[in-house]
Structures are given as structure tokens and as C-alpha cells.
Amino acid sequence: MLVRASVGVSQTAVYALMVVVVIAMCPVIMFAANGLSTDIQLYTVTLVEKTRELNMEKFKTETLLYQMVPRSVADRLKSCGSVSHMNLHSFTKYTNDIQPILHRSIPNKPFLRG
């Protein structure tokens, strides 16, 4: 009977120790979960800001593309990534260097009809 009593006491001591460990670990687990949820919320805010910036850059890029080429060409570029040659009725050529134009136009004499 003494053996049974000592087994019961030791088993109760183990259960009591387990309860103490669980009670001690609860605040630690709650603090860690709170910290993780805070980090996730900050990451979400950052992700939303970056998405807004990316959408703004996309808008600027598309606006610039539509200013540089006709809308039909720009739409094909966006959907396919390349465009085959095509005939246009008119176009505007942009050059950012005026020197070659001046060198070509200076030697030409104006054509006068008399």
C-alpha cells in the first residue's frame, strides 16, 4: 500500500509540474503570437504601399508608351511583347540630337521657282 501511495504522489507531482509549465509558457506564447501578428500587419501595410507605387509606375509607363506609339501598336506590345511591321499613314520622328539635322539641312539650297 505504501508503494501505491508513493506512485500516486509522484504522479500527482508530475501533473502539477506540467500545469506549472503550461501556465508559465502561456504568456510567452501569447507574446510571441502578438509579435508575429504585428510583423504581419506591418508587412501588409508595406505591401499595400509598394502595390500603389507599382500601379502608379505602370500608369506612367503606359501613358508614355501611348504618347510614343499609336494605341493599337502599344496594345499589341503589351499583350504579345512584339509587333510585326506595319504601314502607317503618317508618323512623327523624334530626335534628341539636333546636330545631324543641321548638318543635313545646311548644304541644301532653297528651291526657288522663277
PDB file of N, CA and C in Angstrom:
ATOM      1  N   MET A   1       0.804  -1.169   0.000  1.00  0.00           N
ATOM      2  CA  MET A   1       0.000   0.000   0.000  1.00  0.00           C
ATOM      3  C   MET A   1       0.865   1.257   0.000  1.00  0.00           C
ATOM      4  N   LEU A   2       1.992   1.152   0.620  1.00  0.00           N
ATOM      5  CA  LEU A   2       2.925   2.272   0.652  1.00  0.00           C
ATOM      6  C   LEU A   2       3.474   2.564  -0.738  1.00  0.00           C
ATOM      7  N   VAL A   3       3.686   1.518  -1.516  1.00  0.00           N
ATOM      8  CA  VAL A   3       4.196   1.678  -2.875  1.00  0.00           C
ATOM      9  C   VAL A   3       3.157   2.378  -3.734  1.00  0.00           C
ATOM     10  N   ARG A   4       1.906   1.981  -3.580  1.00  0.00           N
ATOM     11  CA  ARG A   4       0.844   2.619  -4.330  1.00  0.00           C
ATOM     12  C   ARG A   4       0.698   4.090  -3.963  1.00  0.00           C
ATOM     13  N   ALA A   5       0.853   4.427  -2.774  1.00  0.00           N
ATOM     14  CA  ALA A   5       0.749   5.814  -2.324  1.00  0.00           C
ATOM     15  C   ALA A   5       1.891   6.642  -2.889  1.00  0.00           C
ATOM     16  N   SER A   6       3.115   6.078  -2.930  1.00  0.00           N
ATOM     17  CA  SER A   6       4.251   6.841  -3.451  1.00  0.00           C
ATOM     18  C   SER A   6       4.118   7.027  -4.965  1.00  0.00           C
ATOM     19  N   VAL A   7       3.550   6.039  -5.660  1.00  0.00           N
ATOM     20  CA  VAL A   7       3.314   6.180  -7.102  1.00  0.00           C
ATOM     21  C   VAL A   7       2.266   7.261  -7.339  1.00  0.00           C
ATOM     22  N   GLY A   8       1.240   7.313  -6.552  1.00  0.00           N
ATOM     23  CA  GLY A   8       0.192   8.319  -6.677  1.00  0.00           C
ATOM     24  C   GLY A   8       0.728   9.706  -6.409  1.00  0.00           C
ATOM     25  N   VAL A   9       1.611   9.837  -5.414  1.00  0.00           N
ATOM     26  CA  VAL A   9       2.199  11.138  -5.080  1.00  0.00           C
ATOM     27  C   VAL A   9       3.114  11.603  -6.203  1.00  0.00           C
ATOM     28  N   SER A  10       3.936  10.702  -6.710  1.00  0.00           N
ATOM     29  CA  SER A  10       4.852  11.098  -7.783  1.00  0.00           C
ATOM     30  C   SER A  10       4.075  11.447  -9.054  1.00  0.00           C
ATOM     31  N   GLN A  11       2.998  10.724  -9.311  1.00  0.00           N
ATOM     32  CA  GLN A  11       2.192  11.021 -10.488  1.00  0.00           C
ATOM     33  C   GLN A  11       1.504  12.379 -10.322  1.00  0.00           C
ATOM     34  N   THR A  12       1.041  12.679  -9.146  1.00  0.00           N
ATOM     35  CA  THR A  12       0.434  13.983  -8.875  1.00  0.00           C
ATOM     36  C   THR A  12       1.466  15.088  -9.006  1.00  0.00           C
ATOM     37  N   ALA A  13       2.674  14.835  -8.562  1.00  0.00           N
ATOM     38  CA  ALA A  13       3.741  15.826  -8.682  1.00  0.00           C
ATOM     39  C   ALA A  13       4.062  16.107 -10.152  1.00  0.00           C
ATOM     40  N   VAL A  14       4.070  15.052 -10.974  1.00  0.00           N
ATOM     41  CA  VAL A  14       4.331  15.234 -12.408  1.00  0.00           C
ATOM     42  C   VAL A  14       3.222  16.067 -13.032  1.00  0.00           C
ATOM     43  N   TYR A  15       1.970  15.777 -12.708  1.00  0.00           N
ATOM     44  CA  TYR A  15       0.847  16.534 -13.253  1.00  0.00           C
ATOM     45  C   TYR A  15       0.905  17.994 -12.799  1.00  0.00           C
ATOM     46  N   ALA A  16       1.251  18.207 -11.558  1.00  0.00           N
ATOM     47  CA  ALA A  16       1.359  19.572 -11.027  1.00  0.00           C
ATOM     48  C   ALA A  16       2.471  20.326 -11.749  1.00  0.00           C
ATOM     49  N   LEU A  17       3.597  19.655 -11.991  1.00  0.00           N
ATOM     50  CA  LEU A  17       4.713  20.278 -12.704  1.00  0.00           C
ATOM     51  C   LEU A  17       4.297  20.636 -14.132  1.00  0.00           C
ATOM     52  N   MET A  18       3.545  19.762 -14.777  1.00  0.00           N
ATOM     53  CA  MET A  18       3.079  20.029 -16.141  1.00  0.00           C
ATOM     54  C   MET A  18       2.144  21.237 -16.176  1.00  0.00           C
ATOM     55  N   VAL A  19       1.276  21.365 -15.195  1.00  0.00           N
ATOM     56  CA  VAL A  19       0.369  22.513 -15.114  1.00  0.00           C
ATOM     57  C   VAL A  19       1.157  23.803 -14.923  1.00  0.00           C
ATOM     58  N   VAL A  20       2.176  23.751 -14.059  1.00  0.00           N
ATOM     59  CA  VAL A  20       3.006  24.934 -13.822  1.00  0.00           C
ATOM     60  C   VAL A  20       3.731  25.340 -15.108  1.00  0.00           C
ATOM     61  N   VAL A  21       4.262  24.363 -15.839  1.00  0.00           N
ATOM     62  CA  VAL A  21       4.977  24.655 -17.095  1.00  0.00           C
ATOM     63  C   VAL A  21       4.015  25.272 -18.112  1.00  0.00           C
ATOM     64  N   VAL A  22       2.820  24.716 -18.235  1.00  0.00           N
ATOM     65  CA  VAL A  22       1.839  25.241 -19.190  1.00  0.00           C
ATOM     66  C   VAL A  22       1.446  26.667 -18.811  1.00  0.00           C
ATOM     67  N   ILE A  23       1.203  26.903 -17.535  1.00  0.00           N
ATOM     68  CA  ILE A  23       0.829  28.248 -17.085  1.00  0.00           C
ATOM     69  C   ILE A  23       1.975  29.232 -17.313  1.00  0.00           C
ATOM     70  N   ALA A  24       3.201  28.790 -17.114  1.00  0.00           N
ATOM     71  CA  ALA A  24       4.360  29.666 -17.325  1.00  0.00           C
ATOM     72  C   ALA A  24       4.586  29.949 -18.814  1.00  0.00           C
ATOM     73  N   MET A  25       4.262  28.991 -19.674  1.00  0.00           N
ATOM     74  CA  MET A  25       4.514  29.155 -21.108  1.00  0.00           C
ATOM     75  C   MET A  25       3.427  29.957 -21.814  1.00  0.00           C
ATOM     76  N   CYS A  26       2.232  30.036 -21.278  1.00  0.00           N
ATOM     77  CA  CYS A  26       1.135  30.748 -21.932  1.00  0.00           C
ATOM     78  C   CYS A  26       1.475  32.210 -22.239  1.00  0.00           C
ATOM     79  N   PRO A  27       1.996  32.989 -21.289  1.00  0.00           N
ATOM     80  CA  PRO A  27       2.331  34.378 -21.615  1.00  0.00           C
ATOM     81  C   PRO A  27       3.411  34.478 -22.694  1.00  0.00           C
ATOM     82  N   VAL A  28       4.371  33.548 -22.653  1.00  0.00           N
ATOM     83  CA  VAL A  28       5.431  33.569 -23.663  1.00  0.00           C
ATOM     84  C   VAL A  28       4.837  33.307 -25.051  1.00  0.00           C
ATOM     85  N   ILE A  29       3.964  32.338 -25.150  1.00  0.00           N
ATOM     86  CA  ILE A  29       3.336  32.014 -26.428  1.00  0.00           C
ATOM     87  C   ILE A  29       2.462  33.178 -26.902  1.00  0.00           C
ATOM     88  N   MET A  30       1.713  33.775 -25.987  1.00  0.00           N
ATOM     89  CA  MET A  30       0.862  34.909 -26.351  1.00  0.00           C
ATOM     90  C   MET A  30       1.702  36.098 -26.818  1.00  0.00           C
ATOM     91  N   PHE A  31       2.814  36.359 -26.144  1.00  0.00           N
ATOM     92  CA  PHE A  31       3.693  37.459 -26.534  1.00  0.00           C
ATOM     93  C   PHE A  31       4.287  37.198 -27.922  1.00  0.00           C
ATOM     94  N   ALA A  32       4.701  35.973 -28.185  1.00  0.00           N
ATOM     95  CA  ALA A  32       5.257  35.628 -29.494  1.00  0.00           C
ATOM     96  C   ALA A  32       4.200  35.750 -30.588  1.00  0.00           C
ATOM     97  N   ALA A  33       2.984  35.299 -30.322  1.00  0.00           N
ATOM     98  CA  ALA A  33       1.909  35.401 -31.306  1.00  0.00           C
ATOM     99  C   ALA A  33       1.558  36.855 -31.579  1.00  0.00           C
ATOM    100  N   ASN A  34       1.563  37.684 -30.548  1.00  0.00           N
ATOM    101  CA  ASN A  34       1.300  39.106 -30.715  1.00  0.00           C
ATOM    102  C   ASN A  34       2.391  39.755 -31.570  1.00  0.00           C
ATOM    103  N   GLY A  35       3.622  39.411 -31.300  1.00  0.00           N
ATOM    104  CA  GLY A  35       4.730  39.954 -32.086  1.00  0.00           C
ATOM    105  C   GLY A  35       4.648  39.536 -33.549  1.00  0.00           C
ATOM    106  N   LEU A  36       4.300  38.285 -33.800  1.00  0.00           N
ATOM    107  CA  LEU A  36       4.161  37.805 -35.169  1.00  0.00           C
ATOM    108  C   LEU A  36       3.012  38.501 -35.893  1.00  0.00           C
ATOM    109  N   SER A  37       1.894  38.688 -35.216  1.00  0.00           N
ATOM    110  CA  SER A  37       0.764  39.357 -35.864  1.00  0.00           C
ATOM    111  C   SER A  37       1.098  40.823 -36.155  1.00  0.00           C
ATOM    112  N   THR A  38       1.860  41.477 -35.295  1.00  0.00           N
ATOM    113  CA  THR A  38       2.292  42.846 -35.538  1.00  0.00           C
ATOM    114  C   THR A  38       3.200  42.902 -36.764  1.00  0.00           C
ATOM    115  N   ASP A  39       4.130  41.959 -36.862  1.00  0.00           N
ATOM    116  CA  ASP A  39       5.015  41.909 -38.022  1.00  0.00           C
ATOM    117  C   ASP A  39       4.234  41.683 -39.310  1.00  0.00           C
ATOM    118  N   ILE A  40       3.231  40.820 -39.266  1.00  0.00           N
ATOM    119  CA  ILE A  40       2.413  40.552 -40.452  1.00  0.00           C
ATOM    120  C   ILE A  40       1.629  41.802 -40.845  1.00  0.00           C
ATOM    121  N   GLN A  41       1.113  42.538 -39.863  1.00  0.00           N
ATOM    122  CA  GLN A  41       0.383  43.762 -40.167  1.00  0.00           C
ATOM    123  C   GLN A  41       1.297  44.807 -40.796  1.00  0.00           C
ATOM    124  N   LEU A  42       2.512  44.951 -40.281  1.00  0.00           N
ATOM    125  CA  LEU A  42       3.462  45.905 -40.865  1.00  0.00           C
ATOM    126  C   LEU A  42       3.829  45.501 -42.289  1.00  0.00           C
ATOM    127  N   TYR A  43       4.027  44.211 -42.507  1.00  0.00           N
ATOM    128  CA  TYR A  43       4.342  43.720 -43.845  1.00  0.00           C
ATOM    129  C   TYR A  43       3.179  43.991 -44.802  1.00  0.00           C
ATOM    130  N   THR A  44       1.956  43.841 -44.326  1.00  0.00           N
ATOM    131  CA  THR A  44       0.781  44.099 -45.154  1.00  0.00           C
ATOM    132  C   THR A  44       0.708  45.563 -45.550  1.00  0.00           C
ATOM    133  N   VAL A  45       0.970  46.459 -44.608  1.00  0.00           N
ATOM    134  CA  VAL A  45       0.960  47.896 -44.904  1.00  0.00           C
ATOM    135  C   VAL A  45       2.037  48.214 -45.938  1.00  0.00           C
ATOM    136  N   THR A  46       3.229  47.659 -45.773  1.00  0.00           N
ATOM    137  CA  THR A  46       4.316  47.888 -46.722  1.00  0.00           C
ATOM    138  C   THR A  46       3.941  47.351 -48.094  1.00  0.00           C
ATOM    139  N   LEU A  47       3.327  46.188 -48.124  1.00  0.00           N
ATOM    140  CA  LEU A  47       2.924  45.577 -49.392  1.00  0.00           C
ATOM    141  C   LEU A  47       1.880  46.433 -50.105  1.00  0.00           C
ATOM    142  N   VAL A  48       0.951  46.998 -49.370  1.00  0.00           N
ATOM    143  CA  VAL A  48      -0.073  47.868 -49.958  1.00  0.00           C
ATOM    144  C   VAL A  48       0.580  49.118 -50.545  1.00  0.00           C
ATOM    145  N   GLU A  49       1.529  49.710 -49.813  1.00  0.00           N
ATOM    146  CA  GLU A  49       2.217  50.904 -50.313  1.00  0.00           C
ATOM    147  C   GLU A  49       3.006  50.590 -51.577  1.00  0.00           C
ATOM    148  N   LYS A  50       3.725  49.483 -51.587  1.00  0.00           N
ATOM    149  CA  LYS A  50       4.515  49.098 -52.760  1.00  0.00           C
ATOM    150  C   LYS A  50       3.608  48.797 -53.952  1.00  0.00           C
ATOM    151  N   THR A  51       2.442  48.205 -53.702  1.00  0.00           N
ATOM    152  CA  THR A  51       1.493  47.932 -54.779  1.00  0.00           C
ATOM    153  C   THR A  51       0.979  49.228 -55.372  1.00  0.00           C
ATOM    154  N   ARG A  52       0.698  50.211 -54.519  1.00  0.00           N
ATOM    155  CA  ARG A  52       0.266  51.530 -55.011  1.00  0.00           C
ATOM    156  C   ARG A  52       1.348  52.167 -55.871  1.00  0.00           C
ATOM    157  N   GLU A  53       2.595  52.124 -55.394  1.00  0.00           N
ATOM    158  CA  GLU A  53       3.707  52.691 -56.156  1.00  0.00           C
ATOM    159  C   GLU A  53       3.867  51.979 -57.495  1.00  0.00           C
ATOM    160  N   LEU A  54       3.753  50.662 -57.488  1.00  0.00           N
ATOM    161  CA  LEU A  54       3.885  49.887 -58.718  1.00  0.00           C
ATOM    162  C   LEU A  54       2.768  50.234 -59.702  1.00  0.00           C
ATOM    163  N   ASN A  55       1.553  50.378 -59.230  1.00  0.00           N
ATOM    164  CA  ASN A  55       0.444  50.754 -60.106  1.00  0.00           C
ATOM    165  C   ASN A  55       0.641  52.154 -60.681  1.00  0.00           C
ATOM    166  N   MET A  56       1.201  53.055 -59.881  1.00  0.00           N
ATOM    167  CA  MET A  56       1.473  54.409 -60.363  1.00  0.00           C
ATOM    168  C   MET A  56       2.546  54.383 -61.458  1.00  0.00           C
ATOM    169  N   GLU A  57       3.587  53.602 -61.259  1.00  0.00           N
ATOM    170  CA  GLU A  57       4.635  53.475 -62.270  1.00  0.00           C
ATOM    171  C   GLU A  57       4.093  52.819 -63.544  1.00  0.00           C
ATOM    172  N   LYS A  58       3.207  51.850 -63.381  1.00  0.00           N
ATOM    173  CA  LYS A  58       2.587  51.208 -64.539  1.00  0.00           C
ATOM    174  C   LYS A  58       1.772  52.220 -65.324  1.00  0.00           C
ATOM    175  N   PHE A  59       1.029  53.059 -64.628  1.00  0.00           N
ATOM    176  CA  PHE A  59       0.234  54.095 -65.283  1.00  0.00           C
ATOM    177  C   PHE A  59       1.140  55.057 -66.045  1.00  0.00           C
ATOM    178  N   LYS A  60       2.236  55.490 -65.413  1.00  0.00           N
ATOM    179  CA  LYS A  60       3.168  56.402 -66.073  1.00  0.00           C
ATOM    180  C   LYS A  60       3.786  55.756 -67.312  1.00  0.00           C
ATOM    181  N   THR A  61       4.164  54.485 -67.182  1.00  0.00           N
ATOM    182  CA  THR A  61       4.779  53.774 -68.304  1.00  0.00           C
ATOM    183  C   THR A  61       3.803  53.636 -69.460  1.00  0.00           C
ATOM    184  N   GLU A  62       2.564  53.264 -69.161  1.00  0.00           N
ATOM    185  CA  GLU A  62       1.563  53.119 -70.218  1.00  0.00           C
ATOM    186  C   GLU A  62       1.256  54.459 -70.870  1.00  0.00           C
ATOM    187  N   THR A  63       1.196  55.522 -70.086  1.00  0.00           N
ATOM    188  CA  THR A  63       0.960  56.850 -70.639  1.00  0.00           C
ATOM    189  C   THR A  63       2.079  57.243 -71.590  1.00  0.00           C
ATOM    190  N   LEU A  64       3.305  57.008 -71.182  1.00  0.00           N
ATOM    191  CA  LEU A  64       4.451  57.312 -72.034  1.00  0.00           C
ATOM    192  C   LEU A  64       4.431  56.462 -73.298  1.00  0.00           C
ATOM    193  N   LEU A  65       4.110  55.189 -73.164  1.00  0.00           N
ATOM    194  CA  LEU A  65       4.048  54.304 -74.324  1.00  0.00           C
ATOM    195  C   LEU A  65       2.986  54.778 -75.305  1.00  0.00           C
ATOM    196  N   TYR A  66       1.817  55.180 -74.800  1.00  0.00           N
ATOM    197  CA  TYR A  66       0.752  55.661 -75.678  1.00  0.00           C
ATOM    198  C   TYR A  66       1.113  56.986 -76.339  1.00  0.00           C
ATOM    199  N   GLN A  67       2.003  57.768 -75.729  1.00  0.00           N
ATOM    200  CA  GLN A  67       2.453  59.006 -76.349  1.00  0.00           C
ATOM    201  C   GLN A  67       3.490  58.741 -77.442  1.00  0.00           C
ATOM    202  N   MET A  68       4.228  57.649 -77.302  1.00  0.00           N
ATOM    203  CA  MET A  68       5.313  57.366 -78.245  1.00  0.00           C
ATOM    204  C   MET A  68       4.848  56.596 -79.480  1.00  0.00           C
ATOM    205  N   VAL A  69       3.902  55.687 -79.337  1.00  0.00           N
ATOM    206  CA  VAL A  69       3.441  54.874 -80.466  1.00  0.00           C
ATOM    207  C   VAL A  69       1.919  54.895 -80.499  1.00  0.00           C
ATOM    208  N   PRO A  70       1.345  54.571 -81.655  1.00  0.00           N
ATOM    209  CA  PRO A  70      -0.128  54.523 -81.716  1.00  0.00           C
ATOM    210  C   PRO A  70      -0.699  53.501 -80.735  1.00  0.00           C
ATOM    211  N   ARG A  71      -1.927  53.754 -80.331  1.00  0.00           N
ATOM    212  CA  ARG A  71      -2.558  52.914 -79.317  1.00  0.00           C
ATOM    213  C   ARG A  71      -2.632  51.448 -79.753  1.00  0.00           C
ATOM    214  N   SER A  72      -2.911  51.201 -81.018  1.00  0.00           N
ATOM    215  CA  SER A  72      -3.001  49.805 -81.481  1.00  0.00           C
ATOM    216  C   SER A  72      -1.655  49.094 -81.348  1.00  0.00           C
ATOM    217  N   VAL A  73      -0.581  49.801 -81.657  1.00  0.00           N
ATOM    218  CA  VAL A  73       0.758  49.212 -81.532  1.00  0.00           C
ATOM    219  C   VAL A  73       1.088  48.991 -80.061  1.00  0.00           C
ATOM    220  N   ALA A  74       0.758  49.958 -79.237  1.00  0.00           N
ATOM    221  CA  ALA A  74       1.041  49.835 -77.800  1.00  0.00           C
ATOM    222  C   ALA A  74       0.270  48.663 -77.200  1.00  0.00           C
ATOM    223  N   ASP A  75      -0.981  48.494 -77.593  1.00  0.00           N
ATOM    224  CA  ASP A  75      -1.773  47.378 -77.072  1.00  0.00           C
ATOM    225  C   ASP A  75      -1.190  46.034 -77.504  1.00  0.00           C
ATOM    226  N   ARG A  76      -0.739  45.949 -78.758  1.00  0.00           N
ATOM    227  CA  ARG A  76      -0.100  44.710 -79.203  1.00  0.00           C
ATOM    228  C   ARG A  76       1.202  44.456 -78.461  1.00  0.00           C
ATOM    229  N   LEU A  77       1.968  45.504 -78.225  1.00  0.00           N
ATOM    230  CA  LEU A  77       3.213  45.346 -77.460  1.00  0.00           C
ATOM    231  C   LEU A  77       2.930  44.826 -76.059  1.00  0.00           C
ATOM    232  N   LYS A  78       1.904  45.359 -75.433  1.00  0.00           N
ATOM    233  CA  LYS A  78       1.574  44.936 -74.074  1.00  0.00           C
ATOM    234  C   LYS A  78       1.079  43.497 -74.025  1.00  0.00           C
ATOM    235  N   SER A  79       0.306  43.095 -75.036  1.00  0.00           N
ATOM    236  CA  SER A  79      -0.257  41.744 -74.995  1.00  0.00           C
ATOM    237  C   SER A  79       0.708  40.688 -75.511  1.00  0.00           C
ATOM    238  N   CYS A  80       1.461  40.986 -76.581  1.00  0.00           N
ATOM    239  CA  CYS A  80       2.316  39.976 -77.212  1.00  0.00           C
ATOM    240  C   CYS A  80       3.795  40.144 -76.890  1.00  0.00           C
ATOM    241  N   GLY A  81       4.213  41.352 -76.619  1.00  0.00           N
ATOM    242  CA  GLY A  81       5.635  41.595 -76.345  1.00  0.00           C
ATOM    243  C   GLY A  81       6.412  42.003 -77.580  1.00  0.00           C
ATOM    244  N   SER A  82       5.824  41.827 -78.773  1.00  0.00           N
ATOM    245  CA  SER A  82       6.484  42.259 -80.002  1.00  0.00           C
ATOM    246  C   SER A  82       5.418  42.628 -81.027  1.00  0.00           C
ATOM    247  N   VAL A  83       5.841  43.394 -82.009  1.00  0.00           N
ATOM    248  CA  VAL A  83       4.928  43.850 -83.042  1.00  0.00           C
ATOM    249  C   VAL A  83       5.616  43.658 -84.381  1.00  0.00           C
ATOM    250  N   SER A  84       4.902  43.099 -85.345  1.00  0.00           N
ATOM    251  CA  SER A  84       5.460  42.982 -86.686  1.00  0.00           C
ATOM    252  C   SER A  84       5.331  44.325 -87.400  1.00  0.00           C
ATOM    253  N   HIS A  85       6.001  44.467 -88.523  1.00  0.00           N
ATOM    254  CA  HIS A  85       5.987  45.737 -89.236  1.00  0.00           C
ATOM    255  C   HIS A  85       4.573  46.047 -89.715  1.00  0.00           C
ATOM    256  N   MET A  86       4.329  47.315 -89.895  1.00  0.00           N
ATOM    257  CA  MET A  86       3.016  47.738 -90.349  1.00  0.00           C
ATOM    258  C   MET A  86       3.154  49.051 -91.104  1.00  0.00           C
ATOM    259  N   ASN A  87       2.222  49.338 -91.956  1.00  0.00           N
ATOM    260  CA  ASN A  87       2.211  50.586 -92.709  1.00  0.00           C
ATOM    261  C   ASN A  87       1.367  51.601 -91.966  1.00  0.00           C
ATOM    262  N   LEU A  88       1.918  52.801 -91.815  1.00  0.00           N
ATOM    263  CA  LEU A  88       1.211  53.887 -91.160  1.00  0.00           C
ATOM    264  C   LEU A  88       1.001  55.005 -92.168  1.00  0.00           C
ATOM    265  N   HIS A  89      -0.088  55.701 -92.058  1.00  0.00           N
ATOM    266  CA  HIS A  89      -0.373  56.795 -92.979  1.00  0.00           C
ATOM    267  C   HIS A  89       0.532  57.991 -92.717  1.00  0.00           C
ATOM    268  N   SER A  90       0.816  58.250 -91.473  1.00  0.00           N
ATOM    269  CA  SER A  90       1.714  59.350 -91.123  1.00  0.00           C
ATOM    270  C   SER A  90       2.391  59.015 -89.803  1.00  0.00           C
ATOM    271  N   PHE A  91       3.509  59.673 -89.555  1.00  0.00           N
ATOM    272  CA  PHE A  91       4.209  59.471 -88.303  1.00  0.00           C
ATOM    273  C   PHE A  91       5.030  60.704 -87.993  1.00  0.00           C
ATOM    274  N   THR A  92       5.461  60.808 -86.773  1.00  0.00           N
ATOM    275  CA  THR A  92       6.333  61.879 -86.328  1.00  0.00           C
ATOM    276  C   THR A  92       7.615  61.248 -85.844  1.00  0.00           C
ATOM    277  N   LYS A  93       8.715  61.760 -86.336  1.00  0.00           N
ATOM    278  CA  LYS A  93      10.009  61.229 -85.923  1.00  0.00           C
ATOM    279  C   LYS A  93      10.585  62.163 -84.869  1.00  0.00           C
ATOM    280  N   TYR A  94      10.983  61.589 -83.769  1.00  0.00           N
ATOM    281  CA  TYR A  94      11.572  62.345 -82.672  1.00  0.00           C
ATOM    282  C   TYR A  94      13.067  62.105 -82.651  1.00  0.00           C
ATOM    283  N   THR A  95      13.813  63.174 -82.561  1.00  0.00           N
ATOM    284  CA  THR A  95      15.257  63.042 -82.391  1.00  0.00           C
ATOM    285  C   THR A  95      15.678  63.960 -81.258  1.00  0.00           C
ATOM    286  N   ASN A  96      16.584  63.506 -80.471  1.00  0.00           N
ATOM    287  CA  ASN A  96      17.024  64.327 -79.340  1.00  0.00           C
ATOM    288  C   ASN A  96      18.361  64.996 -79.625  1.00  0.00           C
ATOM    289  N   ASP A  97      18.889  64.792 -80.829  1.00  0.00           N
ATOM    290  CA  ASP A  97      20.166  65.405 -81.186  1.00  0.00           C
ATOM    291  C   ASP A  97      19.953  66.238 -82.436  1.00  0.00           C
ATOM    292  N   ILE A  98      20.098  67.540 -82.338  1.00  0.00           N
ATOM    293  CA  ILE A  98      19.810  68.444 -83.442  1.00  0.00           C
ATOM    294  C   ILE A  98      20.970  68.545 -84.422  1.00  0.00           C
ATOM    295  N   GLN A  99      22.173  68.169 -84.017  1.00  0.00           N
ATOM    296  CA  GLN A  99      23.354  68.313 -84.870  1.00  0.00           C
ATOM    297  C   GLN A  99      23.224  67.590 -86.206  1.00  0.00           C
ATOM    298  N   PRO A 100      22.850  66.314 -86.259  1.00  0.00           N
ATOM    299  CA  PRO A 100      22.746  65.655 -87.569  1.00  0.00           C
ATOM    300  C   PRO A 100      21.729  66.321 -88.494  1.00  0.00           C
ATOM    301  N   ILE A 101      20.669  66.850 -87.944  1.00  0.00           N
ATOM    302  CA  ILE A 101      19.658  67.518 -88.759  1.00  0.00           C
ATOM    303  C   ILE A 101      20.231  68.794 -89.347  1.00  0.00           C
ATOM    304  N   LEU A 102      20.956  69.552 -88.538  1.00  0.00           N
ATOM    305  CA  LEU A 102      21.554  70.793 -89.034  1.00  0.00           C
ATOM    306  C   LEU A 102      22.575  70.511 -90.120  1.00  0.00           C
ATOM    307  N   HIS A 103      23.397  69.493 -89.946  1.00  0.00           N
ATOM    308  CA  HIS A 103      24.415  69.174 -90.939  1.00  0.00           C
ATOM    309  C   HIS A 103      23.780  68.729 -92.255  1.00  0.00           C
ATOM    310  N   ARG A 104      22.636  68.096 -92.210  1.00  0.00           N
ATOM    311  CA  ARG A 104      21.976  67.675 -93.440  1.00  0.00           C
ATOM    312  C   ARG A 104      21.254  68.835 -94.121  1.00  0.00           C
ATOM    313  N   SER A 105      20.767  69.774 -93.358  1.00  0.00           N
ATOM    314  CA  SER A 105      19.972  70.840 -93.956  1.00  0.00           C
ATOM    315  C   SER A 105      20.797  72.036 -94.399  1.00  0.00           C
ATOM    316  N   ILE A 106      21.980  72.269 -93.862  1.00  0.00           N
ATOM    317  CA  ILE A 106      22.795  73.437 -94.219  1.00  0.00           C
ATOM    318  C   ILE A 106      23.244  73.391 -95.681  1.00  0.00           C
ATOM    319  N   PRO A 107      23.748  72.256 -96.201  1.00  0.00           N
ATOM    320  CA  PRO A 107      24.218  72.283 -97.596  1.00  0.00           C
ATOM    321  C   PRO A 107      23.099  72.429 -98.624  1.00  0.00           C
ATOM    322  N   ASN A 108      21.895  72.165 -98.282  1.00  0.00           N
ATOM    323  CA  ASN A 108      20.794  72.255 -99.241  1.00  0.00           C
ATOM    324  C   ASN A 108      20.441  73.704 -99.510  1.00  0.00           C
ATOM    325  N   LYS A 109      20.320  74.033-100.772  1.00  0.00           N
ATOM    326  CA  LYS A 109      19.914  75.382-101.174  1.00  0.00           C
ATOM    327  C   LYS A 109      18.399  75.378-101.339  1.00  0.00           C
ATOM    328  N   PRO A 110      17.775  76.477-100.986  1.00  0.00           N
ATOM    329  CA  PRO A 110      16.334  76.522-101.168  1.00  0.00           C
ATOM    330  C   PRO A 110      15.983  76.462-102.656  1.00  0.00           C
ATOM    331  N   PHE A 111      14.932  75.781-102.948  1.00  0.00           N
ATOM    332  CA  PHE A 111      14.464  75.641-104.317  1.00  0.00           C
ATOM    333  C   PHE A 111      13.534  76.794-104.622  1.00  0.00           C
ATOM    334  N   LEU A 112      13.919  77.631-105.578  1.00  0.00           N
ATOM    335  CA  LEU A 112      13.105  78.791-105.939  1.00  0.00           C
ATOM    336  C   LEU A 112      12.564  78.590-107.336  1.00  0.00           C
ATOM    337  N   ARG A 113      11.323  78.841-107.477  1.00  0.00           N
ATOM    338  CA  ARG A 113      10.734  78.796-108.810  1.00  0.00           C
ATOM    339  C   ARG A 113      10.691  80.202-109.357  1.00  0.00           C
ATOM    340  N   GLY A 114      11.111  80.336-110.506  1.00  0.00           N
ATOM    341  CA  GLY A 114      11.221  81.687-111.029  1.00  0.00           C
ATOM    342  C   GLY A 114      10.502  81.986-112.230  1.00  0.00           C
TER     343      GLY A 114
END
